[in-house]
C-alpha atoms as a PDB file:
ATOM      1  CA  MET A   1     -24.542 -52.946 104.689  1.00  0.00           C
ATOM      2  CA  ALA A   2     -28.323 -52.853 104.889  1.00  0.00           C
ATOM      3  CA  PRO A   3     -29.920 -56.218 105.721  1.00  0.00           C
ATOM      4  CA  PHE A   4     -31.251 -58.190 102.794  1.00  0.00           C
ATOM      5  CA  ARG A   5     -35.010 -58.000 102.380  1.00  0.00           C
ATOM      6  CA  LYS A   6     -36.894 -60.516 100.344  1.00  0.00           C
ATOM      7  CA  THR A   7     -38.711 -58.878  97.426  1.00  0.00           C
ATOM      8  CA  TYR A   8     -39.844 -61.991  95.566  1.00  0.00           C
ATOM      9  CA  HIS A   9     -42.767 -64.104  96.746  1.00  0.00           C
ATOM     10  CA  SER A  10     -43.994 -67.390  95.376  1.00  0.00           C
ATOM     11  CA  LYS A  11     -47.132 -67.599  93.234  1.00  0.00           C
ATOM     12  CA  VAL A  12     -48.940 -69.561  95.943  1.00  0.00           C
ATOM     13  CA  TYR A  13     -48.207 -66.830  98.445  1.00  0.00           C
ATOM     14  CA  ARG A  14     -49.266 -64.072  96.031  1.00  0.00           C
ATOM     15  CA  ASP A  15     -52.530 -65.878  95.293  1.00  0.00           C
ATOM     16  CA  PHE A  16     -53.137 -66.238  99.009  1.00  0.00           C
ATOM     17  CA  ARG A  17     -52.521 -62.549  99.655  1.00  0.00           C
ATOM     18  CA  ALA A  18     -55.111 -61.711  97.001  1.00  0.00           C
ATOM     19  CA  ILE A  19     -57.800 -63.184  99.273  1.00  0.00           C
ATOM     20  CA  ASP A  20     -59.642 -60.776 101.570  1.00  0.00           C
ATOM     21  CA  PRO A  21     -58.293 -61.503 105.090  1.00  0.00           C
ATOM     22  CA  ARG A  22     -61.852 -61.750 106.426  1.00  0.00           C
ATOM     23  CA  GLN A  23     -63.047 -64.252 103.836  1.00  0.00           C
ATOM     24  CA  TRP A  24     -62.457 -67.116 106.221  1.00  0.00           C
ATOM     25  CA  HIS A  25     -64.040 -69.842 104.104  1.00  0.00           C
ATOM     26  CA  ASN A  26     -61.970 -68.839 101.083  1.00  0.00           C
ATOM     27  CA  ILE A  27     -58.786 -68.980 103.163  1.00  0.00           C
ATOM     28  CA  VAL A  28     -59.635 -72.466 104.416  1.00  0.00           C
ATOM     29  CA  ARG A  29     -60.506 -73.648 100.917  1.00  0.00           C
ATOM     30  CA  PHE A  30     -57.313 -72.175  99.434  1.00  0.00           C
ATOM     31  CA  PHE A  31     -55.055 -73.759 102.074  1.00  0.00           C
ATOM     32  CA  GLU A  32     -56.628 -77.198 101.771  1.00  0.00           C
ATOM     33  CA  GLN A  33     -56.479 -77.100  97.960  1.00  0.00           C
ATOM     34  CA  HIS A  34     -52.797 -76.088  97.917  1.00  0.00           C
ATOM     35  CA  GLU A  35     -51.584 -77.791 101.077  1.00  0.00           C
ATOM     36  CA  GLU A  36     -48.827 -79.800  99.407  1.00  0.00           C
ATOM     37  CA  ASP A  37     -47.450 -76.695  97.656  1.00  0.00           C
ATOM     38  CA  ILE A  38     -47.686 -74.660 100.861  1.00  0.00           C
ATOM     39  CA  LYS A  39     -45.542 -77.186 102.716  1.00  0.00           C
ATOM     40  CA  LEU A  40     -42.741 -76.492 100.218  1.00  0.00           C
ATOM     41  CA  LEU A  41     -42.743 -72.718 100.739  1.00  0.00           C
ATOM     42  CA  GLU A  42     -40.003 -70.868 102.562  1.00  0.00           C
ATOM     43  CA  PHE A  43     -40.602 -70.669 106.293  1.00  0.00           C
ATOM     44  CA  ASP A  44     -41.911 -67.078 106.459  1.00  0.00           C
ATOM     45  CA  GLU A  45     -44.513 -67.666 103.767  1.00  0.00           C
ATOM     46  CA  TYR A  46     -45.457 -71.090 105.102  1.00  0.00           C
ATOM     47  CA  PHE A  47     -45.904 -69.857 108.651  1.00  0.00           C
ATOM     48  CA  GLU A  48     -48.065 -66.900 107.610  1.00  0.00           C
ATOM     49  CA  LEU A  49     -50.381 -69.198 105.680  1.00  0.00           C
ATOM     50  CA  LEU A  50     -50.449 -71.723 108.522  1.00  0.00           C
ATOM     51  CA  VAL A  51     -51.490 -69.068 111.037  1.00  0.00           C
ATOM     52  CA  ALA A  52     -54.086 -67.606 108.672  1.00  0.00           C
ATOM     53  CA  TYR A  53     -55.566 -71.048 107.986  1.00  0.00           C
ATOM     54  CA  THR A  54     -55.668 -71.973 111.668  1.00  0.00           C
ATOM     55  CA  ASN A  55     -57.365 -68.710 112.640  1.00  0.00           C
ATOM     56  CA  ALA A  56     -59.817 -69.085 109.756  1.00  0.00           C
ATOM     57  CA  LEU A  57     -60.794 -72.540 111.014  1.00  0.00           C
ATOM     58  CA  PHE A  58     -61.630 -70.968 114.351  1.00  0.00           C
ATOM     59  CA  GLU A  59     -63.630 -68.151 112.770  1.00  0.00           C
ATOM     60  CA  ILE A  60     -65.828 -70.496 110.714  1.00  0.00           C
ATOM     61  CA  GLY A  61     -66.483 -72.745 113.706  1.00  0.00           C
ATOM     62  CA  ALA A  62     -64.422 -75.735 112.549  1.00  0.00           C
ATOM     63  CA  TYR A  63     -63.305 -76.272 116.121  1.00  0.00           C
ATOM     64  CA  GLU A  64     -62.171 -79.892 115.843  1.00  0.00           C
ATOM     65  CA  LYS A  65     -59.805 -79.024 112.980  1.00  0.00           C
ATOM     66  CA  HIS A  66     -58.696 -75.896 114.797  1.00  0.00           C
ATOM     67  CA  ILE A  67     -57.670 -77.882 117.882  1.00  0.00           C
ATOM     68  CA  LEU A  68     -55.461 -80.058 115.687  1.00  0.00           C
ATOM     69  CA  MET A  69     -53.845 -77.184 113.794  1.00  0.00           C
ATOM     70  CA  VAL A  70     -53.367 -74.716 116.651  1.00  0.00           C
ATOM     71  CA  ASP A  71     -50.906 -77.077 118.327  1.00  0.00           C
ATOM     72  CA  ALA A  72     -48.779 -76.937 115.162  1.00  0.00           C
ATOM     73  CA  VAL A  73     -48.849 -73.123 115.306  1.00  0.00           C
ATOM     74  CA  ILE A  74     -47.875 -73.098 118.995  1.00  0.00           C
ATOM     75  CA  GLU A  75     -45.068 -75.625 118.540  1.00  0.00           C
ATOM     76  CA  THR A  76     -43.697 -73.804 115.490  1.00  0.00           C
ATOM     77  CA  ALA A  77     -43.843 -70.432 117.231  1.00  0.00           C
ATOM     78  CA  VAL A  78     -42.057 -71.747 120.323  1.00  0.00           C
ATOM     79  CA  GLY A  79     -39.488 -73.652 118.275  1.00  0.00           C
ATOM     80  CA  ASN A  80     -38.637 -70.578 116.228  1.00  0.00           C
ATOM     81  CA  ASN A  81     -38.866 -68.091 119.104  1.00  0.00           C
ATOM     82  CA  ILE A  82     -41.774 -66.182 117.526  1.00  0.00           C
ATOM     83  CA  THR A  83     -43.456 -64.044 120.191  1.00  0.00           C
ATOM     84  CA  PHE A  84     -45.399 -61.398 118.295  1.00  0.00           C
ATOM     85  CA  PHE A  85     -46.935 -62.030 114.891  1.00  0.00           C
ATOM     86  CA  GLN A  86     -49.060 -59.600 112.897  1.00  0.00           C
ATOM     87  CA  GLY A  87     -49.712 -57.382 115.869  1.00  0.00           C
ATOM     88  CA  GLU A  88     -50.674 -59.971 118.485  1.00  0.00           C
ATOM     89  CA  GLU A  89     -48.864 -62.043 121.077  1.00  0.00           C
ATOM     90  CA  LEU A  90     -49.104 -65.289 119.162  1.00  0.00           C
ATOM     91  CA  PHE A  91     -48.614 -67.848 121.945  1.00  0.00           C
ATOM     92  CA  ASN A  92     -51.228 -66.322 124.268  1.00  0.00           C
ATOM     93  CA  ALA A  93     -53.712 -65.659 121.461  1.00  0.00           C
ATOM     94  CA  SER A  94     -53.356 -69.231 120.184  1.00  0.00           C
ATOM     95  CA  LEU A  95     -53.856 -70.671 123.655  1.00  0.00           C
ATOM     96  CA  PHE A  96     -56.972 -68.568 124.156  1.00  0.00           C
ATOM     97  CA  ARG A  97     -58.491 -69.692 120.855  1.00  0.00           C
ATOM     98  CA  LYS A  98     -57.623 -73.303 121.662  1.00  0.00           C
ATOM     99  CA  ALA A  99     -59.463 -72.970 124.981  1.00  0.00           C
ATOM    100  CA  ALA A 100     -62.463 -71.536 123.124  1.00  0.00           C
ATOM    101  CA  SER A 101     -62.436 -74.432 120.661  1.00  0.00           C
ATOM    102  CA  CYS A 102     -62.288 -76.916 123.537  1.00  0.00           C
ATOM    103  CA  PHE A 103     -65.233 -75.139 125.151  1.00  0.00           C
ATOM    104  CA  HIS A 104     -67.296 -75.297 121.963  1.00  0.00           C
ATOM    105  CA  THR A 105     -66.537 -79.016 121.588  1.00  0.00           C
ATOM    106  CA  PHE A 106     -67.564 -79.664 125.211  1.00  0.00           C
ATOM    107  CA  ARG A 107     -64.036 -80.374 126.449  1.00  0.00           C
ATOM    108  CA  LEU A 108     -64.749 -78.177 129.452  1.00  0.00           C
ATOM    109  CA  ASN A 109     -62.038 -79.611 131.702  1.00  0.00           C
ATOM    110  CA  LYS A 110     -59.440 -79.090 128.962  1.00  0.00           C
ATOM    111  CA  ALA A 111     -60.635 -75.526 128.368  1.00  0.00           C
ATOM    112  CA  GLU A 112     -60.445 -74.824 132.099  1.00  0.00           C
ATOM    113  CA  TYR A 113     -56.885 -76.176 132.269  1.00  0.00           C
ATOM    114  CA  ILE A 114     -55.699 -74.088 129.294  1.00  0.00           C
ATOM    115  CA  LEU A 115     -57.260 -70.897 130.639  1.00  0.00           C
ATOM    116  CA  LYS A 116     -55.648 -71.401 134.038  1.00  0.00           C
ATOM    117  CA  GLU A 117     -52.281 -71.956 132.363  1.00  0.00           C
ATOM    118  CA  LEU A 118     -52.815 -68.801 130.315  1.00  0.00           C
ATOM    119  CA  LEU A 119     -53.591 -66.828 133.465  1.00  0.00           C
ATOM    120  CA  LYS A 120     -50.388 -68.164 135.033  1.00  0.00           C
ATOM    121  CA  ILE A 121     -48.529 -66.628 132.097  1.00  0.00           C
ATOM    122  CA  ASP A 122     -50.542 -63.397 132.120  1.00  0.00           C
ATOM    123  CA  PRO A 123     -52.757 -62.827 135.199  1.00  0.00           C
ATOM    124  CA  HIS A 124     -53.910 -59.540 133.629  1.00  0.00           C
ATOM    125  CA  HIS A 125     -55.536 -61.313 130.671  1.00  0.00           C
ATOM    126  CA  LYS A 126     -59.113 -60.057 131.144  1.00  0.00           C
ATOM    127  CA  ASP A 127     -60.623 -62.164 128.380  1.00  0.00           C
ATOM    128  CA  ALA A 128     -59.099 -65.327 129.847  1.00  0.00           C
ATOM    129  CA  LYS A 129     -60.517 -64.449 133.268  1.00  0.00           C
ATOM    130  CA  ARG A 130     -64.014 -63.832 131.890  1.00  0.00           C
ATOM    131  CA  PHE A 131     -63.911 -66.977 129.781  1.00  0.00           C
ATOM    132  CA  LEU A 132     -62.714 -69.093 132.707  1.00  0.00           C
ATOM    133  CA  LYS A 133     -65.766 -67.930 134.667  1.00  0.00           C
ATOM    134  CA  LYS A 134     -68.008 -68.898 131.763  1.00  0.00           C
ATOM    135  CA  CYS A 135     -66.318 -72.285 131.482  1.00  0.00           C
ATOM    136  CA  LEU A 136     -66.667 -73.049 135.193  1.00  0.00           C
ATOM    137  CA  ARG A 137     -70.288 -71.905 135.238  1.00  0.00           C
ATOM    138  CA  SER A 138     -71.014 -74.368 132.445  1.00  0.00           C
ATOM    139  CA  GLN A 139     -69.737 -77.195 134.637  1.00  0.00           C
ATOM    140  CA  HIS A 140     -72.419 -78.244 137.097  1.00  0.00           C
ATOM    141  CA  PRO A 141     -71.156 -79.580 140.454  1.00  0.00           C
ATOM    142  CA  PRO A 142     -73.221 -82.214 142.333  1.00  0.00           C
ATOM    143  CA  PHE A 143     -74.951 -79.505 144.372  1.00  0.00           C
ATOM    144  CA  ILE A 144     -76.357 -77.874 141.236  1.00  0.00           C
ATOM    145  CA  ARG A 145     -77.388 -81.178 139.677  1.00  0.00           C
ATOM    146  CA  ASN A 146     -79.164 -82.226 142.871  1.00  0.00           C
ATOM    147  CA  ALA A 147     -80.867 -78.845 143.244  1.00  0.00           C
ATOM    148  CA  ARG A 148     -82.152 -79.005 139.672  1.00  0.00           C
ATOM    149  CA  ALA A 149     -83.390 -82.552 140.137  1.00  0.00           C
ATOM    150  CA  ILE A 150     -85.281 -81.549 143.294  1.00  0.00           C
ATOM    151  CA  SER A 151     -86.710 -78.499 141.483  1.00  0.00           C
ATOM    152  CA  VAL A 152     -88.030 -80.715 138.692  1.00  0.00           C
ATOM    153  CA  LEU A 153     -89.568 -83.017 141.312  1.00  0.00           C
ATOM    154  CA  LEU A 154     -91.264 -80.057 143.017  1.00  0.00           C
ATOM    155  CA  PHE A 155     -92.632 -78.824 139.680  1.00  0.00           C
ATOM    156  CA  PHE A 156     -94.033 -82.309 139.049  1.00  0.00           C
ATOM    157  CA  ILE A 157     -95.648 -82.389 142.490  1.00  0.00           C
ATOM    158  CA  ALA A 158     -97.136 -78.943 141.850  1.00  0.00           C
ATOM    159  CA  ALA A 159     -98.605 -80.262 138.577  1.00  0.00           C
ATOM    160  CA  VAL A 160    -100.130 -83.245 140.423  1.00  0.00           C
ATOM    161  CA  ILE A 161    -101.658 -80.882 142.990  1.00  0.00           C
ATOM    162  CA  ILE A 162    -103.158 -78.764 140.209  1.00  0.00           C
ATOM    163  CA  CYS A 163    -104.692 -81.871 138.619  1.00  0.00           C
ATOM    164  CA  ALA A 164    -106.101 -82.978 141.981  1.00  0.00           C
ATOM    165  CA  GLU A 165    -107.459 -79.469 142.538  1.00  0.00           C
ATOM    166  CA  LEU A 166    -109.233 -79.393 139.181  1.00  0.00           C
ATOM    167  CA  ILE A 167    -110.569 -82.945 139.098  1.00  0.00           C
ATOM    168  CA  TRP A 168    -111.207 -83.896 142.709  1.00  0.00           C
ATOM    169  CA  THR A 169    -111.335 -80.886 144.995  1.00  0.00           C
ATOM    170  CA  ARG A 170    -113.546 -78.622 142.861  1.00  0.00           C
ATOM    171  CA  ASN A 171    -116.103 -81.387 142.328  1.00  0.00           C
ATOM    172  CA  PHE A 172    -116.162 -83.124 145.700  1.00  0.00           C
ATOM    173  CA  HIS A 173    -114.516 -80.949 148.364  1.00  0.00           C
ATOM    174  CA  PRO A 174    -114.685 -77.276 147.353  1.00  0.00           C
ATOM    175  CA  GLU A 175    -114.025 -76.311 150.971  1.00  0.00           C
ATOM    176  CA  TRP A 176    -110.408 -77.473 150.454  1.00  0.00           C
ATOM    177  CA  LEU A 177    -109.785 -75.257 147.423  1.00  0.00           C
ATOM    178  CA  ASN A 178    -107.936 -72.563 149.366  1.00  0.00           C
ATOM    179  CA  PHE A 179    -105.672 -75.177 150.971  1.00  0.00           C
ATOM    180  CA  PHE A 180    -104.804 -76.820 147.659  1.00  0.00           C
ATOM    181  CA  HIS A 181    -104.282 -73.431 146.053  1.00  0.00           C
ATOM    182  CA  SER A 182    -101.835 -72.398 148.805  1.00  0.00           C
ATOM    183  CA  LEU A 183    -100.094 -75.787 148.772  1.00  0.00           C
ATOM    184  CA  ARG A 184     -99.613 -75.616 145.012  1.00  0.00           C
ATOM    185  CA  ASN A 185     -98.140 -72.117 145.248  1.00  0.00           C
ATOM    186  CA  VAL A 186     -95.777 -73.115 148.058  1.00  0.00           C
ATOM    187  CA  VAL A 187     -94.502 -76.213 146.243  1.00  0.00           C
ATOM    188  CA  PHE A 188     -94.086 -74.433 142.890  1.00  0.00           C
ATOM    189  CA  GLY A 189     -92.487 -71.391 144.529  1.00  0.00           C
ATOM    190  CA  SER A 190     -90.059 -73.614 146.415  1.00  0.00           C
ATOM    191  CA  GLY A 191     -88.992 -75.194 143.136  1.00  0.00           C
ATOM    192  CA  ILE A 192     -88.396 -71.769 141.578  1.00  0.00           C
ATOM    193  CA  LEU A 193     -86.471 -70.497 144.602  1.00  0.00           C
ATOM    194  CA  LEU A 194     -84.299 -73.622 144.725  1.00  0.00           C
ATOM    195  CA  LEU A 195     -83.542 -73.460 140.994  1.00  0.00           C
ATOM    196  CA  VAL A 196     -82.761 -69.735 140.930  1.00  0.00           C
ATOM    197  CA  GLY A 197     -80.988 -69.693 144.292  1.00  0.00           C
ATOM    198  CA  SER A 198     -78.672 -72.599 143.470  1.00  0.00           C
ATOM    199  CA  THR A 199     -77.797 -71.044 140.095  1.00  0.00           C
ATOM    200  CA  LEU A 200     -77.020 -67.658 141.663  1.00  0.00           C
ATOM    201  CA  TRP A 201     -74.926 -69.338 144.367  1.00  0.00           C
ATOM    202  CA  HIS A 202     -72.997 -71.267 141.714  1.00  0.00           C
ATOM    203  CA  TYR A 203     -72.334 -68.105 139.680  1.00  0.00           C
ATOM    204  CA  ARG A 204     -71.219 -66.171 142.747  1.00  0.00           C
ATOM    205  CA  ASN A 205     -68.992 -69.017 143.937  1.00  0.00           C
ATOM    206  CA  VAL A 206     -67.321 -69.333 140.524  1.00  0.00           C
ATOM    207  CA  SER A 207     -66.723 -65.581 140.340  1.00  0.00           C
ATOM    208  CA  ARG A 208     -65.176 -65.565 143.813  1.00  0.00           C
ATOM    209  CA  LYS A 209     -62.898 -68.524 143.034  1.00  0.00           C
ATOM    210  CA  VAL A 210     -61.655 -67.032 139.759  1.00  0.00           C
ATOM    211  CA  GLU A 211     -61.067 -63.588 141.278  1.00  0.00           C
ATOM    212  CA  ASN A 212     -59.105 -65.176 144.149  1.00  0.00           C
ATOM    213  CA  LEU A 213     -57.064 -67.236 141.686  1.00  0.00           C
ATOM    214  CA  VAL A 214     -56.232 -64.179 139.590  1.00  0.00           C
ATOM    215  CA  GLN A 215     -55.224 -62.141 142.637  1.00  0.00           C
ATOM    216  CA  GLU A 216     -53.018 -64.999 143.827  1.00  0.00           C
ATOM    217  CA  LEU A 217     -51.349 -65.289 140.409  1.00  0.00           C
ATOM    218  CA  LYS A 218     -50.832 -61.519 140.210  1.00  0.00           C
ATOM    219  CA  ALA A 219     -49.194 -61.500 143.647  1.00  0.00           C
ATOM    220  CA  ARG A 220     -46.957 -64.419 142.683  1.00  0.00           C
ATOM    221  CA  LYS A 221     -45.975 -62.735 139.408  1.00  0.00           C
ATOM    222  CA  GLN A 222     -45.239 -59.464 141.164  1.00  0.00           C
ATOM    223  CA  LYS A 223     -43.129 -61.228 143.767  1.00  0.00           C
ATOM    224  CA  ILE A 224     -41.015 -62.833 141.032  1.00  0.00           C
ATOM    225  CA  HIS A 225     -40.811 -59.996 138.493  1.00  0.00           C
ATOM    226  CA  GLY A 226     -41.620 -56.900 140.521  1.00  0.00           C
ATOM    227  CA  PRO A 227     -44.515 -54.455 139.988  1.00  0.00           C
ATOM    228  CA  ARG A 228     -46.041 -54.383 136.505  1.00  0.00           C
ATOM    229  CA  GLN A 229     -45.163 -51.295 134.493  1.00  0.00           C
ATOM    230  CA  ALA A 230     -48.144 -49.115 133.505  1.00  0.00           C
END
């Protein structure tokens, strides 16, 4: 006997499906207006609306709400053994969006943790690798903070030298103009070099750390599961 397929859908579900899938604000508005009715739907309909609403929150930039709702999606998917949903690997995609929401709400440590966990699951996740680099680059270690503070100090000193050059040296000791001009250039240039050099070092160091982490996770995964099929 052929398996039974549901042909009837509730009015709430039909009204939802009438919304353009890319009209994110309309999806959010519809879900929040009919939330109590949606909770009473059969599981398949309820879960589809829950996922659509959660993704729509992310798309419109409602990141705080998204962080709250995405956990419900993840827990429901795991509890009901749902791996793929509407053409994407739901667990990984939800984790990635949660990391992005944490990043946009300045929970950088949380975003870093989620992305590393996602890479443990799938070391070949290129978007997770790129986003982890971005997340780590946004976190400034003491070296970067100190370098920027010293750069600001050097820029301030350069400004003082320029003032002294204009007010004092030009009027009273013009013979020192070349010295002050060179000193100002050296101090200002040192500030620029320190600022740019520390930033480039930080970016390079982050890239190296993430690449090493990914290679380590790939080797561990291959050791456990064997070579990845092309």
